[in-house]
Amino acid sequence: MTASPLLLLSADSVDLISAIRENDLVGLICLIALTCMSIYSLMLIIQKYLEVKVAKRQSRAFQGLVDEDGSWEALFVASKRYPNSPLAKLLKETYVECRMENWFTGKKALGLENRLEIAKDTIASILNRTMSREESRLQEKLTILATISTIAPFIGLFGTVWGVLASFQAIGREGSAALSALAPGISTALMTTIFGLIAATPALIAYNYFTREVTKISGDMECFSNDIENAVRKQILVDEEKVK
């Protein structure tokens, strides 16, 4: 009774070390380049995952404080405990601007309507600048993942073409398609293809994941910015009523 072809294609029948050793110089260079890409990509994925995870966790915690209707001063002090939260940084920058320029109780000479309009434009500018800075921080190095996911398959394809070319040249030299003559070229073709996919696939998945997460965080910042603008307007109106 013969063994099933599927059983013959087990992991034990594949000797990766021998396959790598059978590569020629160009194939080895491709494998080394793809291995370095894979390692760097993995390190970058772990780093960005932790960075995004911390930013989301701290933002949720800070949002909980905001939902408890904390005062401006209390939230400003609390924001220092969440240095990686984009929401905390938005409130912190707004508070500093309001206190330095004294938008709440000062600038009476401008009149209420002018004060509200100027404060709105100023706060919007600060919030947009802060959001842009936070988005840039979270998106930092994501282009590297996109580049790896794009370049790695082409390096693998180059190794594949090079291996096939080497195999045809071996056939020409030997005058026959002996396995011993074809092995180095075939090994180069197959191994570079495998390593190219190994390098590109996680990088592409991670890039799409982090891009989606940063988009969600940007949406949260946009909503929080609108809440801050409304809170500043209400605070100015409240302080105006107190003076009256």
C-alpha atoms as a PDB file:
ATOM      1  CA  MET A   1       0.000   0.000   0.000  1.00  0.00           C
ATOM      2  CA  THR A   2       1.536   3.312  -1.086  1.00  0.00           C
ATOM      3  CA  ALA A   3       1.534   6.396   1.114  1.00  0.00           C
ATOM      4  CA  SER A   4      -0.800   9.223   0.317  1.00  0.00           C
ATOM      5  CA  PRO A   5       0.845  12.181  -1.492  1.00  0.00           C
ATOM      6  CA  LEU A   6      -0.501  14.484   1.216  1.00  0.00           C
ATOM      7  CA  LEU A   7       1.328  12.499   3.867  1.00  0.00           C
ATOM      8  CA  LEU A   8       4.576  12.794   1.931  1.00  0.00           C
ATOM      9  CA  LEU A   9       4.276  16.591   2.020  1.00  0.00           C
ATOM     10  CA  SER A  10       4.846  16.806   5.739  1.00  0.00           C
ATOM     11  CA  ALA A  11       7.075  19.305   7.503  1.00  0.00           C
ATOM     12  CA  ASP A  12       9.594  16.528   8.198  1.00  0.00           C
ATOM     13  CA  SER A  13      10.217  16.102   4.463  1.00  0.00           C
ATOM     14  CA  VAL A  14      11.394  19.707   4.056  1.00  0.00           C
ATOM     15  CA  ASP A  15      14.977  20.513   5.033  1.00  0.00           C
ATOM     16  CA  LEU A  16      15.086  24.319   5.167  1.00  0.00           C
ATOM     17  CA  ILE A  17      18.740  24.432   6.207  1.00  0.00           C
ATOM     18  CA  SER A  18      19.810  22.408   3.193  1.00  0.00           C
ATOM     19  CA  ALA A  19      17.566  24.494   0.940  1.00  0.00           C
ATOM     20  CA  ILE A  20      19.208  27.681   2.200  1.00  0.00           C
ATOM     21  CA  ARG A  21      22.702  26.237   1.811  1.00  0.00           C
ATOM     22  CA  GLU A  22      21.998  25.317  -1.793  1.00  0.00           C
ATOM     23  CA  ASN A  23      21.359  28.969  -2.685  1.00  0.00           C
ATOM     24  CA  ASP A  24      23.969  30.814  -4.695  1.00  0.00           C
ATOM     25  CA  LEU A  25      25.479  34.150  -3.632  1.00  0.00           C
ATOM     26  CA  VAL A  26      22.691  36.296  -5.066  1.00  0.00           C
ATOM     27  CA  GLY A  27      20.077  34.064  -3.435  1.00  0.00           C
ATOM     28  CA  LEU A  28      21.808  34.328  -0.069  1.00  0.00           C
ATOM     29  CA  ILE A  29      21.974  38.120  -0.355  1.00  0.00           C
ATOM     30  CA  CYS A  30      18.230  38.189  -1.051  1.00  0.00           C
ATOM     31  CA  LEU A  31      17.539  35.915   1.914  1.00  0.00           C
ATOM     32  CA  ILE A  32      19.690  38.022   4.242  1.00  0.00           C
ATOM     33  CA  ALA A  33      17.966  41.234   3.091  1.00  0.00           C
ATOM     34  CA  LEU A  34      14.514  39.709   3.547  1.00  0.00           C
ATOM     35  CA  THR A  35      15.455  38.311   6.965  1.00  0.00           C
ATOM     36  CA  CYS A  36      16.633  41.741   8.116  1.00  0.00           C
ATOM     37  CA  MET A  37      13.378  43.240   6.845  1.00  0.00           C
ATOM     38  CA  SER A  38      11.360  40.621   8.724  1.00  0.00           C
ATOM     39  CA  ILE A  39      13.217  41.213  11.994  1.00  0.00           C
ATOM     40  CA  TYR A  40      12.965  45.003  11.759  1.00  0.00           C
ATOM     41  CA  SER A  41       9.322  44.766  10.760  1.00  0.00           C
ATOM     42  CA  LEU A  42       8.561  42.557  13.761  1.00  0.00           C
ATOM     43  CA  MET A  43      10.326  44.952  16.147  1.00  0.00           C
ATOM     44  CA  LEU A  44       8.441  47.898  14.657  1.00  0.00           C
ATOM     45  CA  ILE A  45       5.107  46.079  14.869  1.00  0.00           C
ATOM     46  CA  ILE A  46       5.640  45.336  18.567  1.00  0.00           C
ATOM     47  CA  GLN A  47       6.694  48.932  19.253  1.00  0.00           C
ATOM     48  CA  LYS A  48       3.716  50.472  17.456  1.00  0.00           C
ATOM     49  CA  TYR A  49       1.295  47.993  18.993  1.00  0.00           C
ATOM     50  CA  LEU A  50       2.395  48.940  22.508  1.00  0.00           C
ATOM     51  CA  GLU A  51       2.344  52.649  21.627  1.00  0.00           C
ATOM     52  CA  VAL A  52      -1.186  52.533  20.223  1.00  0.00           C
ATOM     53  CA  LYS A  53      -2.389  50.298  23.053  1.00  0.00           C
ATOM     54  CA  VAL A  54      -1.084  52.703  25.722  1.00  0.00           C
ATOM     55  CA  ALA A  55      -2.559  55.709  23.905  1.00  0.00           C
ATOM     56  CA  LYS A  56      -6.001  54.066  23.730  1.00  0.00           C
ATOM     57  CA  ARG A  57      -5.913  52.872  27.353  1.00  0.00           C
ATOM     58  CA  GLN A  58      -4.875  56.260  28.734  1.00  0.00           C
ATOM     59  CA  SER A  59      -7.427  58.054  26.575  1.00  0.00           C
ATOM     60  CA  ARG A  60     -10.216  55.818  27.880  1.00  0.00           C
ATOM     61  CA  ALA A  61      -9.132  56.494  31.443  1.00  0.00           C
ATOM     62  CA  PHE A  62      -8.945  60.250  30.850  1.00  0.00           C
ATOM     63  CA  GLN A  63     -12.315  60.253  29.099  1.00  0.00           C
ATOM     64  CA  GLY A  64     -13.745  58.633  32.216  1.00  0.00           C
ATOM     65  CA  LEU A  65     -12.501  61.587  34.283  1.00  0.00           C
ATOM     66  CA  VAL A  66     -14.028  64.034  31.820  1.00  0.00           C
ATOM     67  CA  ASP A  67     -17.364  62.205  31.970  1.00  0.00           C
ATOM     68  CA  GLU A  68     -17.348  62.725  35.739  1.00  0.00           C
ATOM     69  CA  ASP A  69     -17.678  66.463  35.074  1.00  0.00           C
ATOM     70  CA  GLY A  70     -14.328  67.381  36.553  1.00  0.00           C
ATOM     71  CA  SER A  71     -13.334  71.028  36.685  1.00  0.00           C
ATOM     72  CA  TRP A  72     -10.867  72.542  34.221  1.00  0.00           C
ATOM     73  CA  GLU A  73      -8.191  72.733  36.892  1.00  0.00           C
ATOM     74  CA  ALA A  74      -8.725  69.149  38.043  1.00  0.00           C
ATOM     75  CA  LEU A  75      -8.627  67.808  34.481  1.00  0.00           C
ATOM     76  CA  PHE A  76      -5.501  69.822  33.722  1.00  0.00           C
ATOM     77  CA  VAL A  77      -3.741  68.308  36.724  1.00  0.00           C
ATOM     78  CA  ALA A  78      -5.031  64.849  35.802  1.00  0.00           C
ATOM     79  CA  SER A  79      -3.807  65.205  32.218  1.00  0.00           C
ATOM     80  CA  LYS A  80      -0.225  65.080  33.475  1.00  0.00           C
ATOM     81  CA  ARG A  81      -0.822  61.490  34.575  1.00  0.00           C
ATOM     82  CA  TYR A  82      -1.686  60.497  31.004  1.00  0.00           C
ATOM     83  CA  PRO A  83       1.285  61.691  28.926  1.00  0.00           C
ATOM     84  CA  ASN A  84       0.513  59.313  26.045  1.00  0.00           C
ATOM     85  CA  SER A  85      -3.169  60.166  25.758  1.00  0.00           C
ATOM     86  CA  PRO A  86      -4.041  62.347  22.754  1.00  0.00           C
ATOM     87  CA  LEU A  87      -7.227  63.503  24.518  1.00  0.00           C
ATOM     88  CA  ALA A  88      -5.297  64.592  27.600  1.00  0.00           C
ATOM     89  CA  LYS A  89      -2.894  66.578  25.435  1.00  0.00           C
ATOM     90  CA  LEU A  90      -5.784  68.330  23.698  1.00  0.00           C
ATOM     91  CA  LEU A  91      -7.260  69.487  26.982  1.00  0.00           C
ATOM     92  CA  LYS A  92      -3.859  70.402  28.407  1.00  0.00           C
ATOM     93  CA  GLU A  93      -2.971  72.627  25.441  1.00  0.00           C
ATOM     94  CA  THR A  94      -6.399  74.265  25.520  1.00  0.00           C
ATOM     95  CA  TYR A  95      -6.235  74.935  29.248  1.00  0.00           C
ATOM     96  CA  VAL A  96      -2.790  76.501  28.974  1.00  0.00           C
ATOM     97  CA  GLU A  97      -3.998  78.794  26.184  1.00  0.00           C
ATOM     98  CA  CYS A  98      -7.149  79.815  28.054  1.00  0.00           C
ATOM     99  CA  ARG A  99      -5.263  80.600  31.237  1.00  0.00           C
ATOM    100  CA  MET A 100      -2.347  82.372  29.576  1.00  0.00           C
ATOM    101  CA  GLU A 101      -4.628  84.540  27.429  1.00  0.00           C
ATOM    102  CA  ASN A 102      -7.286  84.744  30.172  1.00  0.00           C
ATOM    103  CA  TRP A 103     -10.165  84.018  27.790  1.00  0.00           C
ATOM    104  CA  PHE A 104     -12.597  83.272  30.601  1.00  0.00           C
ATOM    105  CA  THR A 105     -12.573  86.423  32.696  1.00  0.00           C
ATOM    106  CA  GLY A 106     -10.278  88.761  30.784  1.00  0.00           C
ATOM    107  CA  LYS A 107     -10.503  90.663  27.514  1.00  0.00           C
ATOM    108  CA  LYS A 108     -13.741  92.369  28.521  1.00  0.00           C
ATOM    109  CA  ALA A 109     -12.917  95.276  26.240  1.00  0.00           C
ATOM    110  CA  LEU A 110     -13.431  93.035  23.200  1.00  0.00           C
ATOM    111  CA  GLY A 111     -17.086  92.514  23.978  1.00  0.00           C
ATOM    112  CA  LEU A 112     -18.736  89.150  24.505  1.00  0.00           C
ATOM    113  CA  GLU A 113     -19.429  88.298  20.861  1.00  0.00           C
ATOM    114  CA  ASN A 114     -15.946  89.274  19.675  1.00  0.00           C
ATOM    115  CA  ARG A 115     -14.384  87.432  22.588  1.00  0.00           C
ATOM    116  CA  LEU A 116     -16.328  84.264  21.774  1.00  0.00           C
ATOM    117  CA  GLU A 117     -15.418  84.455  18.089  1.00  0.00           C
ATOM    118  CA  ILE A 118     -11.709  85.128  18.657  1.00  0.00           C
ATOM    119  CA  ALA A 119     -11.507  82.480  21.371  1.00  0.00           C
ATOM    120  CA  LYS A 120     -13.191  79.972  19.050  1.00  0.00           C
ATOM    121  CA  ASP A 121     -10.680  80.605  16.244  1.00  0.00           C
ATOM    122  CA  THR A 122      -7.712  80.531  18.605  1.00  0.00           C
ATOM    123  CA  ILE A 123      -8.794  77.332  20.363  1.00  0.00           C
ATOM    124  CA  ALA A 124      -9.592  75.660  17.023  1.00  0.00           C
ATOM    125  CA  SER A 125      -6.097  76.481  15.782  1.00  0.00           C
ATOM    126  CA  ILE A 126      -4.507  75.007  18.900  1.00  0.00           C
ATOM    127  CA  LEU A 127      -6.643  71.876  18.743  1.00  0.00           C
ATOM    128  CA  ASN A 128      -5.887  71.324  15.053  1.00  0.00           C
ATOM    129  CA  ARG A 129      -2.168  71.742  15.667  1.00  0.00           C
ATOM    130  CA  THR A 130      -2.254  69.320  18.584  1.00  0.00           C
ATOM    131  CA  MET A 131      -4.293  66.750  16.639  1.00  0.00           C
ATOM    132  CA  SER A 132      -1.891  66.973  13.713  1.00  0.00           C
ATOM    133  CA  ARG A 133       1.079  66.458  16.025  1.00  0.00           C
ATOM    134  CA  GLU A 134      -0.529  63.456  17.732  1.00  0.00           C
ATOM    135  CA  GLU A 135      -1.517  61.864  14.426  1.00  0.00           C
ATOM    136  CA  SER A 136       2.036  62.300  13.163  1.00  0.00           C
ATOM    137  CA  ARG A 137       3.376  60.691  16.334  1.00  0.00           C
ATOM    138  CA  LEU A 138       1.097  57.676  16.020  1.00  0.00           C
ATOM    139  CA  GLN A 139       1.711  57.333  12.277  1.00  0.00           C
ATOM    140  CA  GLU A 140       5.474  57.598  12.659  1.00  0.00           C
ATOM    141  CA  LYS A 141       7.338  54.753  10.892  1.00  0.00           C
ATOM    142  CA  LEU A 142       4.143  53.236   9.498  1.00  0.00           C
ATOM    143  CA  THR A 143       5.444  54.107   6.044  1.00  0.00           C
ATOM    144  CA  ILE A 144       8.339  51.741   6.744  1.00  0.00           C
ATOM    145  CA  LEU A 145       5.876  48.875   7.154  1.00  0.00           C
ATOM    146  CA  ALA A 146       4.178  49.893   3.910  1.00  0.00           C
ATOM    147  CA  THR A 147       7.551  50.014   2.165  1.00  0.00           C
ATOM    148  CA  ILE A 148       8.547  46.561   3.437  1.00  0.00           C
ATOM    149  CA  SER A 149       5.206  45.082   2.374  1.00  0.00           C
ATOM    150  CA  THR A 150       5.779  46.528  -1.108  1.00  0.00           C
ATOM    151  CA  ILE A 151       9.490  45.860  -1.610  1.00  0.00           C
ATOM    152  CA  ALA A 152       9.805  42.396  -0.046  1.00  0.00           C
ATOM    153  CA  PRO A 153       7.720  40.587  -2.704  1.00  0.00           C
ATOM    154  CA  PHE A 154       9.796  42.214  -5.461  1.00  0.00           C
ATOM    155  CA  ILE A 155      13.026  41.063  -3.822  1.00  0.00           C
ATOM    156  CA  GLY A 156      11.497  37.598  -3.571  1.00  0.00           C
ATOM    157  CA  LEU A 157      10.457  37.812  -7.218  1.00  0.00           C
ATOM    158  CA  PHE A 158      13.948  38.877  -8.205  1.00  0.00           C
ATOM    159  CA  GLY A 159      15.369  35.856  -6.387  1.00  0.00           C
ATOM    160  CA  THR A 160      12.795  33.639  -8.094  1.00  0.00           C
ATOM    161  CA  VAL A 161      13.700  34.885 -11.566  1.00  0.00           C
ATOM    162  CA  TRP A 162      17.393  34.626 -10.742  1.00  0.00           C
ATOM    163  CA  GLY A 163      16.956  31.021  -9.564  1.00  0.00           C
ATOM    164  CA  VAL A 164      15.001  30.041 -12.667  1.00  0.00           C
ATOM    165  CA  LEU A 165      17.673  31.660 -14.832  1.00  0.00           C
ATOM    166  CA  ALA A 166      20.377  29.734 -12.989  1.00  0.00           C
ATOM    167  CA  SER A 167      18.450  26.490 -13.525  1.00  0.00           C
ATOM    168  CA  PHE A 168      18.188  27.061 -17.294  1.00  0.00           C
ATOM    169  CA  GLN A 169      21.872  27.868 -17.477  1.00  0.00           C
ATOM    170  CA  ALA A 170      22.644  24.674 -15.562  1.00  0.00           C
ATOM    171  CA  ILE A 171      20.589  22.683 -18.073  1.00  0.00           C
ATOM    172  CA  GLY A 172      22.589  24.279 -20.878  1.00  0.00           C
ATOM    173  CA  ARG A 173      25.894  23.449 -19.260  1.00  0.00           C
ATOM    174  CA  GLU A 174      25.007  19.893 -18.269  1.00  0.00           C
ATOM    175  CA  GLY A 175      23.054  19.106 -21.369  1.00  0.00           C
ATOM    176  CA  SER A 176      20.342  17.496 -19.244  1.00  0.00           C
ATOM    177  CA  ALA A 177      17.828  18.374 -16.537  1.00  0.00           C
ATOM    178  CA  ALA A 178      19.616  16.433 -13.826  1.00  0.00           C
ATOM    179  CA  LEU A 179      18.337  17.232 -10.347  1.00  0.00           C
ATOM    180  CA  SER A 180      21.846  17.882  -9.048  1.00  0.00           C
ATOM    181  CA  ALA A 181      22.290  20.602 -11.634  1.00  0.00           C
ATOM    182  CA  LEU A 182      18.896  22.206 -11.064  1.00  0.00           C
ATOM    183  CA  ALA A 183      18.907  22.098  -7.254  1.00  0.00           C
ATOM    184  CA  PRO A 184      20.754  25.397  -6.555  1.00  0.00           C
ATOM    185  CA  GLY A 185      18.591  27.419  -8.948  1.00  0.00           C
ATOM    186  CA  ILE A 186      15.352  25.846  -7.787  1.00  0.00           C
ATOM    187  CA  SER A 187      16.347  26.368  -4.159  1.00  0.00           C
ATOM    188  CA  THR A 188      17.072  30.042  -4.807  1.00  0.00           C
ATOM    189  CA  ALA A 189      13.766  30.501  -6.612  1.00  0.00           C
ATOM    190  CA  LEU A 190      11.640  28.833  -3.942  1.00  0.00           C
ATOM    191  CA  MET A 191      13.374  30.137  -0.816  1.00  0.00           C
ATOM    192  CA  THR A 192      13.431  33.783  -1.901  1.00  0.00           C
ATOM    193  CA  THR A 193       9.724  33.540  -2.735  1.00  0.00           C
ATOM    194  CA  ILE A 194       8.962  32.109   0.701  1.00  0.00           C
ATOM    195  CA  PHE A 195      11.101  34.669   2.545  1.00  0.00           C
ATOM    196  CA  GLY A 196       9.565  37.498   0.514  1.00  0.00           C
ATOM    197  CA  LEU A 197       6.067  36.463   1.533  1.00  0.00           C
ATOM    198  CA  ILE A 198       7.137  35.994   5.167  1.00  0.00           C
ATOM    199  CA  ALA A 199       8.540  39.535   5.235  1.00  0.00           C
ATOM    200  CA  ALA A 200       5.701  41.221   3.344  1.00  0.00           C
ATOM    201  CA  THR A 201       2.573  39.615   4.794  1.00  0.00           C
ATOM    202  CA  PRO A 202       2.911  40.633   8.486  1.00  0.00           C
ATOM    203  CA  ALA A 203       4.057  44.126   7.484  1.00  0.00           C
ATOM    204  CA  LEU A 204       1.003  44.624   5.261  1.00  0.00           C
ATOM    205  CA  ILE A 205      -1.418  43.286   7.881  1.00  0.00           C
ATOM    206  CA  ALA A 206       0.163  45.448  10.594  1.00  0.00           C
ATOM    207  CA  TYR A 207       0.122  48.563   8.389  1.00  0.00           C
ATOM    208  CA  ASN A 208      -3.587  48.171   7.665  1.00  0.00           C
ATOM    209  CA  TYR A 209      -4.322  47.492  11.342  1.00  0.00           C
ATOM    210  CA  PHE A 210      -2.397  50.497  12.657  1.00  0.00           C
ATOM    211  CA  THR A 211      -3.811  52.776   9.977  1.00  0.00           C
ATOM    212  CA  ARG A 212      -7.318  51.761  11.029  1.00  0.00           C
ATOM    213  CA  GLU A 213      -6.516  52.295  14.721  1.00  0.00           C
ATOM    214  CA  VAL A 214      -4.996  55.731  14.118  1.00  0.00           C
ATOM    215  CA  THR A 215      -8.093  56.674  12.113  1.00  0.00           C
ATOM    216  CA  LYS A 216     -10.280  55.691  15.077  1.00  0.00           C
ATOM    217  CA  ILE A 217      -8.117  57.704  17.471  1.00  0.00           C
ATOM    218  CA  SER A 218      -8.288  60.680  15.103  1.00  0.00           C
ATOM    219  CA  GLY A 219     -12.073  60.415  15.140  1.00  0.00           C
ATOM    220  CA  ASP A 220     -12.078  60.400  18.935  1.00  0.00           C
ATOM    221  CA  MET A 221      -9.834  63.479  18.966  1.00  0.00           C
ATOM    222  CA  GLU A 222     -12.166  65.266  16.566  1.00  0.00           C
ATOM    223  CA  CYS A 223     -15.184  64.597  18.787  1.00  0.00           C
ATOM    224  CA  PHE A 224     -13.261  65.567  21.912  1.00  0.00           C
ATOM    225  CA  SER A 225     -12.094  68.784  20.248  1.00  0.00           C
ATOM    226  CA  ASN A 226     -15.696  69.753  19.538  1.00  0.00           C
ATOM    227  CA  ASP A 227     -16.545  69.104  23.192  1.00  0.00           C
ATOM    228  CA  ILE A 228     -13.641  71.288  24.300  1.00  0.00           C
ATOM    229  CA  GLU A 229     -14.700  74.151  22.038  1.00  0.00           C
ATOM    230  CA  ASN A 230     -18.233  73.958  23.434  1.00  0.00           C
ATOM    231  CA  ALA A 231     -16.901  73.810  26.992  1.00  0.00           C
ATOM    232  CA  VAL A 232     -14.753  76.903  26.451  1.00  0.00           C
ATOM    233  CA  ARG A 233     -17.721  78.802  25.027  1.00  0.00           C
ATOM    234  CA  LYS A 234     -19.924  77.788  27.961  1.00  0.00           C
ATOM    235  CA  GLN A 235     -17.225  78.745  30.463  1.00  0.00           C
ATOM    236  CA  ILE A 236     -16.884  82.203  28.921  1.00  0.00           C
ATOM    237  CA  LEU A 237     -20.662  82.682  29.049  1.00  0.00           C
ATOM    238  CA  VAL A 238     -20.802  81.462  32.672  1.00  0.00           C
ATOM    239  CA  ASP A 239     -18.023  83.823  33.740  1.00  0.00           C
ATOM    240  CA  GLU A 240     -19.751  86.645  31.892  1.00  0.00           C
ATOM    241  CA  GLU A 241     -22.939  86.001  33.827  1.00  0.00           C
ATOM    242  CA  LYS A 242     -21.022  85.923  37.109  1.00  0.00           C
ATOM    243  CA  VAL A 243     -19.601  89.367  36.408  1.00  0.00           C
ATOM    244  CA  LYS A 244     -23.069  90.726  35.736  1.00  0.00           C
END
